[in-house]
Amino acid sequence: MIAVLARNRRLNTEPAGTGSAPGPERMPHRNGKTVAESTVEMVEVVLPNDANPLGNMLGGKVMHLIDIAGAIAAHRHSRRHVVTVSVDYLDFVHPIRVGQLILLRAHVTRVFRTSMEVEVRVFMEDTLTGEHRQTSSAFVTYVALDLQGKPTSVPPLIVRTAEERRRHREALVRRRRRLSMAASAHRRYFEKDS
């Protein structure tokens, strides 16, 4: 059972029939979308079928939820179908136990032409003690697709805060490293086949 605690966001326009034009603070930004518009929060209870024999949540289940949260953020930004292209450096720092909550927070950090980098942070919450800690995080890249399944351009990302600008800058560095590593790995794959 996934509860998506997503903030409801609708276009900032006046209701039909009011006779007044929207003010500048209520006009949708025509050239892009903000980080906040892609924000996703999900929470799920860890059940016994989600866990290993030690009672810790399975890493594969955590990875699945990371991909779901990230994809929702990418959908919100692009309003397109998206596919997962890569996941960067996923570490499991703390276990999440049966009966605890897993919380995921995701938002777009940078947009390229057809791809989006999404940061997903994972937290554990103990329902009995109130303990709350981060357990893992990942940067996931998605590509937006048109109705024919071809990559399509997405709106630019509007960064407003210093933290959003910092993550936006760092995303370019991660992208360059990601592409370099992928090119190297792909060369090795093709060398083995020939």
N, C-alpha and C. Protein backbone atom coordinates (compact mmCIF):
# COMPACT_ATOMS: atom_id res chain seq x y z
N MET A 1 0.86 -1.18 0.00
CA MET A 1 0.00 0.00 0.00
C MET A 1 0.89 1.23 0.00
N ILE A 2 0.89 1.96 -1.05
CA ILE A 2 1.68 3.18 -1.15
C ILE A 2 0.75 4.36 -1.00
N ALA A 3 1.07 5.21 -0.06
CA ALA A 3 0.30 6.44 0.08
C ALA A 3 1.13 7.56 -0.49
N VAL A 4 0.67 8.16 -1.52
CA VAL A 4 1.41 9.26 -2.12
C VAL A 4 0.88 10.53 -1.49
N LEU A 5 1.75 11.16 -0.73
CA LEU A 5 1.38 12.38 -0.02
C LEU A 5 1.80 13.56 -0.86
N ALA A 6 1.38 13.54 -2.07
CA ALA A 6 1.81 14.56 -3.02
C ALA A 6 1.02 15.83 -2.83
N ARG A 7 1.73 16.91 -2.94
CA ARG A 7 1.06 18.20 -2.86
C ARG A 7 0.25 18.41 -4.12
N ASN A 8 -1.01 18.78 -3.94
CA ASN A 8 -1.86 19.01 -5.11
C ASN A 8 -1.46 20.33 -5.73
N ARG A 9 -1.11 20.23 -6.99
CA ARG A 9 -0.76 21.44 -7.72
C ARG A 9 -1.61 21.49 -8.98
N ARG A 10 -2.26 22.60 -9.18
CA ARG A 10 -3.02 22.77 -10.39
C ARG A 10 -2.56 24.06 -11.05
N LEU A 11 -2.93 24.25 -12.30
CA LEU A 11 -2.52 25.47 -12.99
C LEU A 11 -3.10 26.67 -12.26
N ASN A 12 -2.30 27.69 -12.12
CA ASN A 12 -2.72 28.90 -11.41
C ASN A 12 -3.47 29.83 -12.35
N THR A 13 -4.71 29.52 -12.61
CA THR A 13 -5.54 30.37 -13.45
C THR A 13 -6.84 30.64 -12.72
N GLU A 14 -7.47 31.73 -13.06
CA GLU A 14 -8.75 32.08 -12.45
C GLU A 14 -9.83 31.13 -12.92
N PRO A 15 -10.81 30.80 -12.05
CA PRO A 15 -11.90 29.96 -12.49
C PRO A 15 -12.67 30.63 -13.62
N ALA A 16 -13.25 29.80 -14.49
CA ALA A 16 -14.03 30.33 -15.61
C ALA A 16 -15.18 31.15 -15.08
N GLY A 17 -15.46 32.23 -15.77
CA GLY A 17 -16.62 33.04 -15.41
C GLY A 17 -16.34 34.12 -14.38
N THR A 18 -15.10 34.28 -13.91
CA THR A 18 -14.85 35.31 -12.91
C THR A 18 -14.70 36.68 -13.55
N GLY A 19 -14.34 36.68 -14.83
CA GLY A 19 -14.24 37.95 -15.55
C GLY A 19 -12.96 38.71 -15.29
N SER A 20 -12.05 38.16 -14.49
CA SER A 20 -10.79 38.87 -14.24
C SER A 20 -9.64 38.02 -14.72
N ALA A 21 -8.63 38.69 -15.21
CA ALA A 21 -7.44 37.97 -15.68
C ALA A 21 -6.57 37.61 -14.50
N PRO A 22 -5.82 36.52 -14.58
CA PRO A 22 -4.94 36.15 -13.48
C PRO A 22 -3.86 37.21 -13.27
N GLY A 23 -3.51 37.44 -12.02
CA GLY A 23 -2.43 38.37 -11.69
C GLY A 23 -1.09 37.73 -12.01
N PRO A 24 -0.01 38.51 -12.02
CA PRO A 24 1.30 37.97 -12.38
C PRO A 24 1.74 36.85 -11.45
N GLU A 25 1.36 36.93 -10.15
CA GLU A 25 1.78 35.90 -9.22
C GLU A 25 1.01 34.61 -9.42
N ARG A 26 -0.08 34.65 -10.20
CA ARG A 26 -0.89 33.47 -10.42
C ARG A 26 -0.75 32.90 -11.82
N MET A 27 0.04 33.56 -12.66
CA MET A 27 0.22 33.07 -14.03
C MET A 27 1.17 31.88 -14.03
N PRO A 28 0.84 30.83 -14.77
CA PRO A 28 1.80 29.72 -14.88
C PRO A 28 3.03 30.19 -15.64
N HIS A 29 4.19 29.71 -15.26
CA HIS A 29 5.43 30.05 -15.96
C HIS A 29 5.46 29.28 -17.27
N ARG A 30 5.47 29.98 -18.38
CA ARG A 30 5.35 29.34 -19.68
C ARG A 30 6.65 28.70 -20.15
N ASN A 31 7.77 29.08 -19.56
CA ASN A 31 9.05 28.59 -20.07
C ASN A 31 9.63 27.43 -19.27
N GLY A 32 8.97 27.01 -18.25
CA GLY A 32 9.53 25.92 -17.46
C GLY A 32 8.70 25.62 -16.24
N LYS A 33 9.22 24.71 -15.42
CA LYS A 33 8.55 24.32 -14.18
C LYS A 33 9.55 24.38 -13.04
N THR A 34 9.05 24.67 -11.87
CA THR A 34 9.90 24.76 -10.70
C THR A 34 10.21 23.37 -10.14
N VAL A 35 11.22 23.31 -9.29
CA VAL A 35 11.56 22.08 -8.60
C VAL A 35 10.37 21.62 -7.77
N ALA A 36 9.71 22.55 -7.11
CA ALA A 36 8.58 22.20 -6.24
C ALA A 36 7.45 21.51 -7.00
N GLU A 37 7.29 21.84 -8.27
CA GLU A 37 6.21 21.24 -9.05
C GLU A 37 6.44 19.75 -9.31
N SER A 38 7.66 19.29 -9.15
CA SER A 38 7.95 17.87 -9.37
C SER A 38 8.05 17.09 -8.07
N THR A 39 7.94 17.75 -6.93
CA THR A 39 8.18 17.11 -5.64
C THR A 39 7.19 15.98 -5.36
N VAL A 40 7.74 14.87 -4.88
CA VAL A 40 6.95 13.69 -4.52
C VAL A 40 7.34 13.24 -3.13
N GLU A 41 6.36 12.87 -2.32
CA GLU A 41 6.60 12.23 -1.04
C GLU A 41 5.76 10.97 -0.98
N MET A 42 6.40 9.85 -0.66
CA MET A 42 5.70 8.57 -0.54
C MET A 42 6.04 7.95 0.80
N VAL A 43 5.10 7.18 1.32
CA VAL A 43 5.36 6.45 2.56
C VAL A 43 4.70 5.08 2.46
N GLU A 44 5.39 4.08 3.03
CA GLU A 44 4.86 2.72 3.01
C GLU A 44 5.30 2.01 4.29
N VAL A 45 4.44 1.16 4.80
CA VAL A 45 4.79 0.33 5.96
C VAL A 45 5.58 -0.86 5.45
N VAL A 46 6.67 -1.20 6.15
CA VAL A 46 7.47 -2.37 5.78
C VAL A 46 6.79 -3.61 6.39
N LEU A 47 6.36 -4.50 5.53
CA LEU A 47 5.66 -5.72 5.94
C LEU A 47 6.60 -6.93 5.83
N PRO A 48 6.25 -8.04 6.49
CA PRO A 48 7.15 -9.21 6.45
C PRO A 48 7.51 -9.69 5.04
N ASN A 49 6.59 -9.59 4.08
CA ASN A 49 6.92 -10.05 2.73
C ASN A 49 7.88 -9.09 2.01
N ASP A 50 8.19 -7.92 2.61
CA ASP A 50 9.15 -6.98 2.05
C ASP A 50 10.55 -7.19 2.60
N ALA A 51 10.72 -8.17 3.51
CA ALA A 51 11.95 -8.27 4.30
C ALA A 51 12.70 -9.57 4.05
N ASN A 52 13.99 -9.53 4.43
CA ASN A 52 14.83 -10.72 4.39
C ASN A 52 14.66 -11.49 5.71
N PRO A 53 15.33 -12.64 5.88
CA PRO A 53 15.18 -13.42 7.12
C PRO A 53 15.60 -12.68 8.39
N LEU A 54 16.39 -11.61 8.26
CA LEU A 54 16.80 -10.83 9.42
C LEU A 54 15.76 -9.77 9.81
N GLY A 55 14.71 -9.64 9.01
CA GLY A 55 13.68 -8.64 9.31
C GLY A 55 13.98 -7.27 8.73
N ASN A 56 14.99 -7.17 7.86
CA ASN A 56 15.34 -5.91 7.21
C ASN A 56 14.69 -5.85 5.83
N MET A 57 14.26 -4.67 5.44
CA MET A 57 13.65 -4.50 4.13
C MET A 57 14.62 -4.89 3.03
N LEU A 58 14.12 -5.62 2.05
CA LEU A 58 14.95 -6.06 0.92
C LEU A 58 15.46 -4.87 0.12
N GLY A 59 16.72 -4.92 -0.25
CA GLY A 59 17.30 -3.85 -1.06
C GLY A 59 16.58 -3.69 -2.39
N GLY A 60 16.16 -4.80 -2.99
CA GLY A 60 15.44 -4.73 -4.25
C GLY A 60 14.11 -4.00 -4.13
N LYS A 61 13.45 -4.17 -3.00
CA LYS A 61 12.18 -3.46 -2.76
C LYS A 61 12.45 -1.97 -2.61
N VAL A 62 13.52 -1.61 -1.90
CA VAL A 62 13.89 -0.19 -1.76
C VAL A 62 14.18 0.40 -3.13
N MET A 63 14.93 -0.34 -3.94
CA MET A 63 15.27 0.14 -5.29
C MET A 63 14.00 0.34 -6.13
N HIS A 64 13.06 -0.58 -6.00
CA HIS A 64 11.79 -0.47 -6.74
C HIS A 64 11.05 0.82 -6.35
N LEU A 65 10.97 1.08 -5.03
CA LEU A 65 10.27 2.28 -4.57
C LEU A 65 11.01 3.56 -4.98
N ILE A 66 12.35 3.51 -4.99
CA ILE A 66 13.12 4.66 -5.47
C ILE A 66 12.75 4.96 -6.92
N ASP A 67 12.67 3.91 -7.74
CA ASP A 67 12.34 4.10 -9.15
C ASP A 67 10.92 4.64 -9.31
N ILE A 68 9.98 4.17 -8.51
CA ILE A 68 8.60 4.66 -8.59
C ILE A 68 8.53 6.14 -8.22
N ALA A 69 9.14 6.51 -7.08
CA ALA A 69 9.10 7.91 -6.62
C ALA A 69 9.78 8.82 -7.65
N GLY A 70 10.93 8.38 -8.15
CA GLY A 70 11.64 9.18 -9.15
C GLY A 70 10.85 9.35 -10.43
N ALA A 71 10.20 8.27 -10.88
CA ALA A 71 9.41 8.33 -12.10
C ALA A 71 8.23 9.28 -11.95
N ILE A 72 7.60 9.29 -10.78
CA ILE A 72 6.47 10.21 -10.56
C ILE A 72 6.96 11.65 -10.65
N ALA A 73 8.12 11.94 -10.05
CA ALA A 73 8.68 13.30 -10.13
C ALA A 73 8.95 13.68 -11.59
N ALA A 74 9.53 12.75 -12.36
CA ALA A 74 9.81 13.01 -13.78
C ALA A 74 8.52 13.19 -14.58
N HIS A 75 7.50 12.38 -14.27
CA HIS A 75 6.19 12.54 -14.92
C HIS A 75 5.62 13.93 -14.64
N ARG A 76 5.69 14.35 -13.39
CA ARG A 76 5.13 15.65 -13.03
C ARG A 76 5.82 16.79 -13.76
N HIS A 77 7.13 16.66 -13.91
CA HIS A 77 7.84 17.74 -14.60
C HIS A 77 7.54 17.73 -16.09
N SER A 78 7.60 16.56 -16.70
CA SER A 78 7.50 16.48 -18.16
C SER A 78 6.08 16.32 -18.68
N ARG A 79 5.19 15.75 -17.84
CA ARG A 79 3.83 15.39 -18.28
C ARG A 79 3.90 14.47 -19.49
N ARG A 80 4.88 13.56 -19.44
CA ARG A 80 5.08 12.56 -20.49
C ARG A 80 5.32 11.20 -19.83
N HIS A 81 5.22 10.14 -20.64
CA HIS A 81 5.70 8.84 -20.17
C HIS A 81 7.21 8.95 -20.05
N VAL A 82 7.77 8.25 -19.07
CA VAL A 82 9.22 8.29 -18.89
C VAL A 82 9.75 6.88 -18.72
N VAL A 83 11.02 6.71 -19.08
CA VAL A 83 11.71 5.44 -18.85
C VAL A 83 12.99 5.72 -18.06
N THR A 84 13.36 4.75 -17.24
CA THR A 84 14.58 4.86 -16.44
C THR A 84 15.79 4.56 -17.31
N VAL A 85 16.79 5.44 -17.23
CA VAL A 85 18.01 5.26 -18.01
C VAL A 85 19.17 4.81 -17.13
N SER A 86 19.29 5.40 -15.94
CA SER A 86 20.40 5.02 -15.07
C SER A 86 20.09 5.38 -13.62
N VAL A 87 20.80 4.69 -12.73
CA VAL A 87 20.74 4.97 -11.29
C VAL A 87 22.17 5.11 -10.82
N ASP A 88 22.45 6.19 -10.12
CA ASP A 88 23.82 6.44 -9.64
C ASP A 88 23.99 6.00 -8.19
N TYR A 89 25.04 5.26 -7.92
CA TYR A 89 25.59 5.02 -6.60
C TYR A 89 24.55 4.90 -5.49
N LEU A 90 23.89 3.80 -5.45
CA LEU A 90 22.91 3.56 -4.39
C LEU A 90 23.58 2.80 -3.26
N ASP A 91 23.64 3.43 -2.09
CA ASP A 91 24.19 2.80 -0.90
C ASP A 91 23.07 2.61 0.11
N PHE A 92 23.17 1.53 0.88
CA PHE A 92 22.21 1.27 1.95
C PHE A 92 22.95 1.51 3.26
N VAL A 93 22.73 2.68 3.87
CA VAL A 93 23.49 3.09 5.05
C VAL A 93 22.91 2.51 6.33
N HIS A 94 21.58 2.48 6.43
CA HIS A 94 20.90 1.94 7.62
C HIS A 94 19.78 1.03 7.16
N PRO A 95 19.53 -0.06 7.90
CA PRO A 95 18.42 -0.94 7.52
C PRO A 95 17.08 -0.32 7.92
N ILE A 96 16.04 -0.78 7.24
CA ILE A 96 14.67 -0.42 7.61
C ILE A 96 14.00 -1.73 7.99
N ARG A 97 13.45 -1.78 9.20
CA ARG A 97 12.94 -3.02 9.77
C ARG A 97 11.45 -3.19 9.52
N VAL A 98 11.01 -4.44 9.61
CA VAL A 98 9.58 -4.75 9.52
C VAL A 98 8.84 -3.93 10.58
N GLY A 99 7.74 -3.31 10.18
CA GLY A 99 6.93 -2.50 11.08
C GLY A 99 7.29 -1.02 11.06
N GLN A 100 8.46 -0.69 10.52
CA GLN A 100 8.83 0.71 10.39
C GLN A 100 8.27 1.26 9.08
N LEU A 101 8.38 2.57 8.93
CA LEU A 101 7.92 3.22 7.70
C LEU A 101 9.11 3.53 6.83
N ILE A 102 8.93 3.38 5.53
CA ILE A 102 9.91 3.87 4.57
C ILE A 102 9.29 5.11 3.93
N LEU A 103 10.05 6.21 3.97
CA LEU A 103 9.60 7.47 3.36
C LEU A 103 10.54 7.81 2.23
N LEU A 104 9.99 8.24 1.12
CA LEU A 104 10.80 8.62 -0.03
C LEU A 104 10.43 10.03 -0.44
N ARG A 105 11.44 10.85 -0.71
CA ARG A 105 11.25 12.21 -1.20
C ARG A 105 12.03 12.36 -2.50
N ALA A 106 11.35 12.83 -3.53
CA ALA A 106 11.98 12.94 -4.84
C ALA A 106 11.65 14.28 -5.47
N HIS A 107 12.60 14.79 -6.26
CA HIS A 107 12.38 16.02 -7.04
C HIS A 107 13.41 16.08 -8.17
N VAL A 108 13.03 16.77 -9.22
CA VAL A 108 13.94 16.95 -10.36
C VAL A 108 15.04 17.92 -9.96
N THR A 109 16.29 17.56 -10.29
CA THR A 109 17.43 18.43 -9.97
C THR A 109 17.95 19.17 -11.20
N ARG A 110 17.80 18.55 -12.37
CA ARG A 110 18.25 19.20 -13.60
C ARG A 110 17.57 18.55 -14.80
N VAL A 111 17.35 19.36 -15.81
CA VAL A 111 16.73 18.90 -17.05
C VAL A 111 17.72 19.14 -18.17
N PHE A 112 17.84 18.14 -19.03
CA PHE A 112 18.63 18.29 -20.24
C PHE A 112 17.63 18.36 -21.39
N ARG A 113 17.93 17.94 -22.57
CA ARG A 113 16.95 18.11 -23.66
C ARG A 113 15.77 17.15 -23.51
N THR A 114 16.05 15.86 -23.40
CA THR A 114 14.98 14.88 -23.26
C THR A 114 15.05 14.13 -21.93
N SER A 115 16.12 14.35 -21.19
CA SER A 115 16.31 13.61 -19.93
C SER A 115 16.21 14.53 -18.73
N MET A 116 15.93 13.89 -17.59
CA MET A 116 15.81 14.60 -16.32
C MET A 116 16.56 13.81 -15.26
N GLU A 117 17.34 14.49 -14.43
CA GLU A 117 17.93 13.85 -13.27
C GLU A 117 17.01 14.11 -12.09
N VAL A 118 16.71 13.05 -11.34
CA VAL A 118 15.84 13.15 -10.17
C VAL A 118 16.61 12.66 -8.96
N GLU A 119 16.60 13.44 -7.89
CA GLU A 119 17.19 12.98 -6.63
C GLU A 119 16.09 12.34 -5.79
N VAL A 120 16.38 11.14 -5.29
CA VAL A 120 15.44 10.44 -4.41
C VAL A 120 16.18 10.15 -3.10
N ARG A 121 15.61 10.64 -2.02
CA ARG A 121 16.18 10.38 -0.69
C ARG A 121 15.23 9.47 0.07
N VAL A 122 15.80 8.48 0.77
CA VAL A 122 15.02 7.47 1.47
C VAL A 122 15.26 7.63 2.97
N PHE A 123 14.18 7.56 3.73
CA PHE A 123 14.23 7.71 5.18
C PHE A 123 13.49 6.56 5.85
N MET A 124 13.87 6.30 7.08
CA MET A 124 13.18 5.35 7.93
C MET A 124 12.52 6.13 9.05
N GLU A 125 11.30 5.74 9.39
CA GLU A 125 10.64 6.30 10.57
C GLU A 125 10.15 5.15 11.43
N ASP A 126 10.54 5.16 12.71
CA ASP A 126 10.06 4.15 13.64
C ASP A 126 8.74 4.66 14.22
N THR A 127 7.69 3.90 14.02
CA THR A 127 6.36 4.37 14.44
C THR A 127 6.20 4.37 15.95
N LEU A 128 7.01 3.59 16.67
CA LEU A 128 6.88 3.53 18.13
C LEU A 128 7.74 4.57 18.84
N THR A 129 8.96 4.80 18.34
CA THR A 129 9.87 5.74 19.02
C THR A 129 9.90 7.12 18.38
N GLY A 130 9.46 7.20 17.11
CA GLY A 130 9.53 8.47 16.39
C GLY A 130 10.89 8.72 15.76
N GLU A 131 11.83 7.77 15.93
CA GLU A 131 13.15 7.93 15.32
C GLU A 131 13.00 8.09 13.81
N HIS A 132 13.79 8.99 13.24
CA HIS A 132 13.71 9.31 11.81
C HIS A 132 15.13 9.51 11.32
N ARG A 133 15.55 8.72 10.31
CA ARG A 133 16.90 8.89 9.77
C ARG A 133 16.93 8.54 8.30
N GLN A 134 17.89 9.17 7.61
CA GLN A 134 18.07 8.86 6.20
C GLN A 134 18.77 7.52 6.08
N THR A 135 18.29 6.69 5.15
CA THR A 135 18.88 5.36 4.97
C THR A 135 19.61 5.22 3.66
N SER A 136 19.22 5.96 2.64
CA SER A 136 19.90 5.90 1.35
C SER A 136 19.45 7.06 0.48
N SER A 137 20.12 7.19 -0.64
CA SER A 137 19.73 8.20 -1.63
C SER A 137 20.29 7.78 -2.97
N ALA A 138 19.70 8.31 -4.03
CA ALA A 138 20.16 7.98 -5.37
C ALA A 138 19.77 9.10 -6.32
N PHE A 139 20.53 9.21 -7.39
CA PHE A 139 20.17 10.08 -8.51
C PHE A 139 19.77 9.17 -9.66
N VAL A 140 18.55 9.36 -10.15
CA VAL A 140 18.02 8.51 -11.21
C VAL A 140 17.76 9.38 -12.44
N THR A 141 18.16 8.89 -13.60
CA THR A 141 17.93 9.63 -14.84
C THR A 141 16.79 8.97 -15.62
N TYR A 142 15.87 9.81 -16.08
CA TYR A 142 14.72 9.37 -16.86
C TYR A 142 14.72 10.11 -18.19
N VAL A 143 14.20 9.45 -19.22
CA VAL A 143 14.01 10.09 -20.53
C VAL A 143 12.51 10.15 -20.80
N ALA A 144 12.04 11.30 -21.26
CA ALA A 144 10.63 11.49 -21.60
C ALA A 144 10.38 10.96 -23.01
N LEU A 145 9.22 10.33 -23.19
CA LEU A 145 8.86 9.76 -24.48
C LEU A 145 7.57 10.38 -25.01
N ASP A 146 7.50 10.52 -26.33
CA ASP A 146 6.26 10.99 -26.94
C ASP A 146 5.31 9.80 -27.12
N LEU A 147 4.18 10.02 -27.77
CA LEU A 147 3.18 8.97 -27.90
C LEU A 147 3.64 7.83 -28.81
N GLN A 148 4.68 8.07 -29.61
CA GLN A 148 5.24 7.01 -30.45
C GLN A 148 6.41 6.29 -29.77
N GLY A 149 6.70 6.65 -28.53
CA GLY A 149 7.78 6.01 -27.80
C GLY A 149 9.16 6.56 -28.13
N LYS A 150 9.22 7.73 -28.73
CA LYS A 150 10.50 8.35 -29.09
C LYS A 150 10.84 9.42 -28.06
N PRO A 151 12.15 9.60 -27.77
CA PRO A 151 12.53 10.66 -26.83
C PRO A 151 12.00 12.02 -27.29
N THR A 152 11.53 12.80 -26.34
CA THR A 152 10.95 14.11 -26.65
C THR A 152 11.44 15.15 -25.66
N SER A 153 11.47 16.39 -26.08
CA SER A 153 11.99 17.45 -25.21
C SER A 153 11.05 17.70 -24.04
N VAL A 154 11.63 18.19 -22.96
CA VAL A 154 10.87 18.47 -21.74
C VAL A 154 11.06 19.93 -21.36
N PRO A 155 10.15 20.49 -20.56
CA PRO A 155 10.29 21.90 -20.15
C PRO A 155 11.56 22.11 -19.34
N PRO A 156 12.14 23.30 -19.42
CA PRO A 156 13.31 23.60 -18.59
C PRO A 156 12.93 23.62 -17.11
N LEU A 157 13.94 23.52 -16.27
CA LEU A 157 13.74 23.55 -14.82
C LEU A 157 14.04 24.95 -14.30
N ILE A 158 13.14 25.48 -13.51
CA ILE A 158 13.34 26.79 -12.89
C ILE A 158 13.89 26.55 -11.49
N VAL A 159 15.12 27.00 -11.25
CA VAL A 159 15.73 26.87 -9.92
C VAL A 159 15.66 28.22 -9.23
N ARG A 160 15.21 28.21 -7.98
CA ARG A 160 14.98 29.47 -7.28
C ARG A 160 15.87 29.66 -6.06
N THR A 161 16.11 28.61 -5.30
CA THR A 161 16.86 28.76 -4.05
C THR A 161 18.34 28.46 -4.29
N ALA A 162 19.17 28.85 -3.32
CA ALA A 162 20.60 28.57 -3.41
C ALA A 162 20.84 27.06 -3.44
N GLU A 163 20.09 26.32 -2.65
CA GLU A 163 20.23 24.86 -2.63
C GLU A 163 19.86 24.25 -3.97
N GLU A 164 18.79 24.72 -4.59
CA GLU A 164 18.39 24.22 -5.92
C GLU A 164 19.45 24.55 -6.96
N ARG A 165 20.05 25.74 -6.88
CA ARG A 165 21.10 26.12 -7.83
C ARG A 165 22.34 25.25 -7.65
N ARG A 166 22.69 24.96 -6.38
CA ARG A 166 23.85 24.10 -6.11
C ARG A 166 23.62 22.71 -6.70
N ARG A 167 22.46 22.12 -6.45
CA ARG A 167 22.17 20.78 -6.97
C ARG A 167 22.12 20.79 -8.50
N HIS A 168 21.64 21.88 -9.07
CA HIS A 168 21.57 22.02 -10.52
C HIS A 168 22.98 22.01 -11.11
N ARG A 169 23.91 22.75 -10.49
CA ARG A 169 25.31 22.76 -10.96
C ARG A 169 25.94 21.38 -10.83
N GLU A 170 25.75 20.75 -9.68
CA GLU A 170 26.35 19.44 -9.42
C GLU A 170 25.81 18.38 -10.37
N ALA A 171 24.56 18.54 -10.82
CA ALA A 171 23.96 17.56 -11.73
C ALA A 171 24.72 17.50 -13.05
N LEU A 172 25.24 18.62 -13.51
CA LEU A 172 26.01 18.62 -14.76
C LEU A 172 27.29 17.81 -14.60
N VAL A 173 27.95 17.95 -13.45
CA VAL A 173 29.16 17.17 -13.18
C VAL A 173 28.82 15.68 -13.14
N ARG A 174 27.72 15.33 -12.46
CA ARG A 174 27.31 13.93 -12.40
C ARG A 174 26.99 13.40 -13.79
N ARG A 175 26.34 14.21 -14.61
CA ARG A 175 25.98 13.76 -15.96
C ARG A 175 27.23 13.45 -16.78
N ARG A 176 28.22 14.34 -16.73
CA ARG A 176 29.46 14.11 -17.48
C ARG A 176 30.14 12.82 -17.02
N ARG A 177 30.20 12.61 -15.71
CA ARG A 177 30.82 11.40 -15.18
C ARG A 177 30.01 10.17 -15.60
N ARG A 178 28.68 10.27 -15.52
CA ARG A 178 27.78 9.17 -15.88
C ARG A 178 27.97 8.77 -17.35
N LEU A 179 28.02 9.77 -18.24
CA LEU A 179 28.18 9.49 -19.66
C LEU A 179 29.55 8.88 -19.96
N SER A 180 30.57 9.35 -19.27
CA SER A 180 31.91 8.80 -19.46
C SER A 180 31.97 7.34 -19.02
N MET A 181 31.39 7.05 -17.87
CA MET A 181 31.39 5.68 -17.36
C MET A 181 30.56 4.77 -18.27
N ALA A 182 29.43 5.27 -18.77
CA ALA A 182 28.58 4.47 -19.66
C ALA A 182 29.31 4.15 -20.95
N ALA A 183 30.01 5.14 -21.51
CA ALA A 183 30.75 4.91 -22.76
C ALA A 183 31.82 3.85 -22.56
N SER A 184 32.51 3.92 -21.42
CA SER A 184 33.55 2.94 -21.13
C SER A 184 32.95 1.54 -20.96
N ALA A 185 31.84 1.46 -20.23
CA ALA A 185 31.19 0.16 -20.01
C ALA A 185 30.67 -0.41 -21.32
N HIS A 186 30.09 0.42 -22.16
CA HIS A 186 29.54 -0.06 -23.44
C HIS A 186 30.65 -0.57 -24.36
N ARG A 187 31.80 0.09 -24.34
CA ARG A 187 32.93 -0.40 -25.14
C ARG A 187 33.32 -1.80 -24.70
N ARG A 188 33.36 -2.03 -23.38
CA ARG A 188 33.73 -3.35 -22.87
C ARG A 188 32.69 -4.40 -23.27
N TYR A 189 31.41 -4.05 -23.23
CA TYR A 189 30.35 -4.99 -23.62
C TYR A 189 30.54 -5.42 -25.06
N PHE A 190 30.79 -4.45 -25.95
CA PHE A 190 30.90 -4.77 -27.38
C PHE A 190 32.19 -5.51 -27.70
N GLU A 191 33.26 -5.24 -26.94
CA GLU A 191 34.50 -5.97 -27.14
C GLU A 191 34.31 -7.44 -26.84
N LYS A 192 33.53 -7.76 -25.80
CA LYS A 192 33.29 -9.16 -25.44
C LYS A 192 32.51 -9.89 -26.52
N ASP A 193 31.60 -9.19 -27.18
CA ASP A 193 30.76 -9.83 -28.20
C ASP A 193 31.50 -10.08 -29.51
N SER A 194 32.59 -9.33 -29.76
CA SER A 194 33.25 -9.49 -31.05
C SER A 194 34.36 -10.50 -31.01
